[in-house]
Amino acid sequence: MNLHHYSNALEDAGRNSTYRIRLTAVTEVWDTVPMPEKTRYGFTAEAWSAGKREARDFLISRARERGTTTYSELCSVVTSVQLRPYSFGMMAFLNEVCAEEDAANGIMLASLVTRRDTGLPGNGYFKFAAGLGRDTFDREAFWRSEIERIYAAFPPKE
């Protein structure tokens, strides 16, 4: 039975016998693909947490070097989860990294992740920052001040 047949089965809901047979077929198909109970954007909770640790370690090393990174580079460095630059998964991932570091140290560590074309973080970053109570009216000034706060929190190793 293909997808077209399943959609027809839903349209035929008034014909109970056909509907029940087709609904059973759908249930059997989905039952063959077990999914972990707790996932974040399709990744297990363990992989998601490991990815955030990888990202945090990488971003701290960039801060100590007084540098930034791009979304693409971060995706290539984080191997526990395979995220795509500019995806909803990446935005949620970086928001969690920011929220955790903000709670621990009062900084938005993901400020170091920028777009290749503008050299600034994407719009989601500024929306998240505003949600944390930051004044993002002047985006570039806010971003530069956050970068300086991160660099102050992670001085270069001697």
Protein backbone atom coordinates (compact mmCIF):
# COMPACT_ATOMS: atom_id res chain seq x y z
CA MET A 1 0.00 0.00 0.00
CA ASN A 2 1.49 3.38 -0.94
CA LEU A 3 1.04 6.85 0.55
CA HIS A 4 -1.78 7.66 -1.87
CA HIS A 5 -3.76 4.71 -0.55
CA TYR A 6 -3.23 5.86 3.04
CA SER A 7 -4.52 9.34 2.28
CA ASN A 8 -7.54 7.82 0.53
CA ALA A 9 -8.14 5.69 3.62
CA LEU A 10 -8.34 8.82 5.74
CA GLU A 11 -10.80 10.37 3.30
CA ASP A 12 -12.89 7.19 3.48
CA ALA A 13 -13.31 7.47 7.25
CA GLY A 14 -17.05 6.96 6.83
CA ARG A 15 -16.43 3.42 5.53
CA ASN A 16 -15.26 1.92 8.81
CA SER A 17 -14.06 -1.47 7.57
CA THR A 18 -11.75 -0.01 4.91
CA TYR A 19 -10.56 2.67 7.32
CA ARG A 20 -9.69 0.17 10.04
CA ILE A 21 -7.74 -2.09 7.70
CA ARG A 22 -5.71 0.78 6.33
CA LEU A 23 -5.14 2.32 9.75
CA THR A 24 -3.80 -1.03 10.95
CA ALA A 25 -1.40 -1.05 8.00
CA VAL A 26 -0.16 2.42 8.95
CA THR A 27 0.31 1.34 12.57
CA GLU A 28 2.30 -1.70 11.51
CA VAL A 29 4.61 0.42 9.33
CA TRP A 30 5.35 2.90 12.10
CA ASP A 31 5.84 0.15 14.65
CA THR A 32 8.75 -1.21 12.61
CA VAL A 33 10.81 1.98 13.04
CA PRO A 34 11.63 2.33 16.74
CA MET A 35 12.67 5.79 17.85
CA PRO A 36 14.47 6.58 21.10
CA GLU A 37 12.06 8.00 23.64
CA LYS A 38 13.95 11.23 24.30
CA THR A 39 15.40 12.95 21.27
CA ARG A 40 16.46 16.45 20.33
CA TYR A 41 15.99 17.08 16.63
CA GLY A 42 16.35 13.35 16.01
CA PHE A 43 19.45 12.89 18.16
CA THR A 44 19.52 11.02 21.45
CA ALA A 45 19.78 13.10 24.60
CA GLU A 46 23.27 11.68 25.16
CA ALA A 47 24.49 12.65 21.69
CA TRP A 48 22.92 16.11 22.00
CA SER A 49 24.66 16.72 25.34
CA ALA A 50 27.98 15.42 23.98
CA GLY A 51 27.62 17.76 21.00
CA LYS A 52 27.04 20.73 23.29
CA ARG A 53 30.18 19.84 25.26
CA GLU A 54 32.16 19.65 21.99
CA ALA A 55 30.77 23.02 20.90
CA ARG A 56 31.48 24.63 24.27
CA ASP A 57 35.07 23.36 24.31
CA PHE A 58 35.65 24.55 20.73
CA LEU A 59 34.11 27.97 21.39
CA ILE A 60 36.16 28.46 24.54
CA SER A 61 39.31 27.66 22.56
CA ARG A 62 38.26 30.26 19.98
CA ALA A 63 37.65 32.78 22.75
CA ARG A 64 41.14 32.16 24.14
CA GLU A 65 42.52 32.78 20.62
CA ARG A 66 40.42 35.98 20.41
CA GLY A 67 38.62 34.63 17.36
CA THR A 68 35.20 33.69 16.08
CA THR A 69 33.90 30.85 13.93
CA THR A 70 31.20 30.25 11.33
CA TYR A 71 28.12 28.08 11.53
CA SER A 72 29.66 25.77 8.90
CA GLU A 73 32.91 25.38 10.77
CA LEU A 74 31.10 24.61 14.02
CA CYS A 75 29.05 21.93 12.21
CA SER A 76 32.26 20.28 11.02
CA VAL A 77 33.87 20.39 14.49
CA VAL A 78 30.90 18.96 16.40
CA THR A 79 30.84 15.26 15.57
CA SER A 80 28.41 13.87 18.15
CA VAL A 81 25.48 15.34 16.22
CA GLN A 82 25.35 16.22 12.56
CA LEU A 83 23.74 19.64 12.36
CA ARG A 84 23.33 21.82 9.30
CA PRO A 85 24.21 25.51 9.35
CA TYR A 86 21.17 27.81 9.59
CA SER A 87 18.81 24.92 10.48
CA PHE A 88 16.23 24.96 13.27
CA GLY A 89 18.27 22.25 14.97
CA MET A 90 21.37 24.44 14.89
CA MET A 91 19.43 27.39 16.30
CA ALA A 92 18.03 25.28 19.16
CA PHE A 93 21.47 23.79 19.79
CA LEU A 94 23.16 27.20 20.03
CA ASN A 95 20.32 28.61 22.12
CA GLU A 96 20.91 25.82 24.65
CA VAL A 97 24.66 26.46 24.64
CA CYS A 98 23.95 30.16 25.24
CA ALA A 99 21.37 29.57 27.96
CA GLU A 100 23.64 27.20 29.87
CA GLU A 101 26.66 29.48 29.66
CA ASP A 102 24.54 32.52 30.52
CA ALA A 103 23.27 30.76 33.65
CA ALA A 104 26.78 29.66 34.63
CA ASN A 105 28.89 32.70 33.66
CA GLY A 106 26.57 35.46 32.44
CA ILE A 107 27.81 35.30 28.84
CA MET A 108 26.35 34.15 25.54
CA LEU A 109 29.13 31.88 24.31
CA ALA A 110 27.46 31.30 20.93
CA SER A 111 28.12 34.97 20.16
CA LEU A 112 31.33 33.63 18.63
CA VAL A 113 29.37 31.83 15.88
CA THR A 114 28.85 34.10 12.89
CA ARG A 115 27.55 34.09 9.36
CA ARG A 116 30.23 33.89 6.69
CA ASP A 117 28.58 36.62 4.58
CA THR A 118 28.03 39.26 7.30
CA GLY A 119 30.51 38.38 10.04
CA LEU A 120 27.65 38.65 12.56
CA PRO A 121 25.42 36.01 14.13
CA GLY A 122 22.06 35.30 12.48
CA ASN A 123 18.70 36.79 13.40
CA GLY A 124 17.83 33.90 15.74
CA TYR A 125 20.78 34.84 17.94
CA PHE A 126 19.52 38.38 18.44
CA LYS A 127 15.97 37.20 19.12
CA PHE A 128 17.25 34.76 21.72
CA ALA A 129 19.44 37.46 23.30
CA ALA A 130 16.44 39.78 23.58
CA GLY A 131 14.55 36.92 25.23
CA LEU A 132 17.33 36.71 27.82
CA GLY A 133 16.78 40.39 28.57
CA ARG A 134 19.68 41.79 26.56
CA ASP A 135 19.29 45.13 24.79
CA THR A 136 19.78 44.28 21.12
CA PHE A 137 18.51 47.55 19.63
CA ASP A 138 21.93 48.25 18.13
CA ARG A 139 22.77 44.70 17.05
CA GLU A 140 26.40 45.19 16.14
CA ALA A 141 27.21 47.19 19.29
CA PHE A 142 25.49 44.56 21.43
CA TRP A 143 27.34 41.74 19.67
CA ARG A 144 30.73 43.46 20.02
CA SER A 145 30.16 44.05 23.74
CA GLU A 146 29.16 40.41 24.22
CA ILE A 147 32.33 39.28 22.39
CA GLU A 148 34.43 41.41 24.75
CA ARG A 149 32.67 39.89 27.77
CA ILE A 150 33.43 36.40 26.44
CA TYR A 151 37.09 37.27 25.83
CA ALA A 152 37.31 38.64 29.39
CA ALA A 153 35.83 35.41 30.77
CA PHE A 154 38.32 33.23 28.87
CA PRO A 155 41.75 34.87 28.80
CA PRO A 156 44.48 33.40 26.59
CA LYS A 157 46.44 30.56 28.12
CA GLU A 158 50.07 31.36 28.78
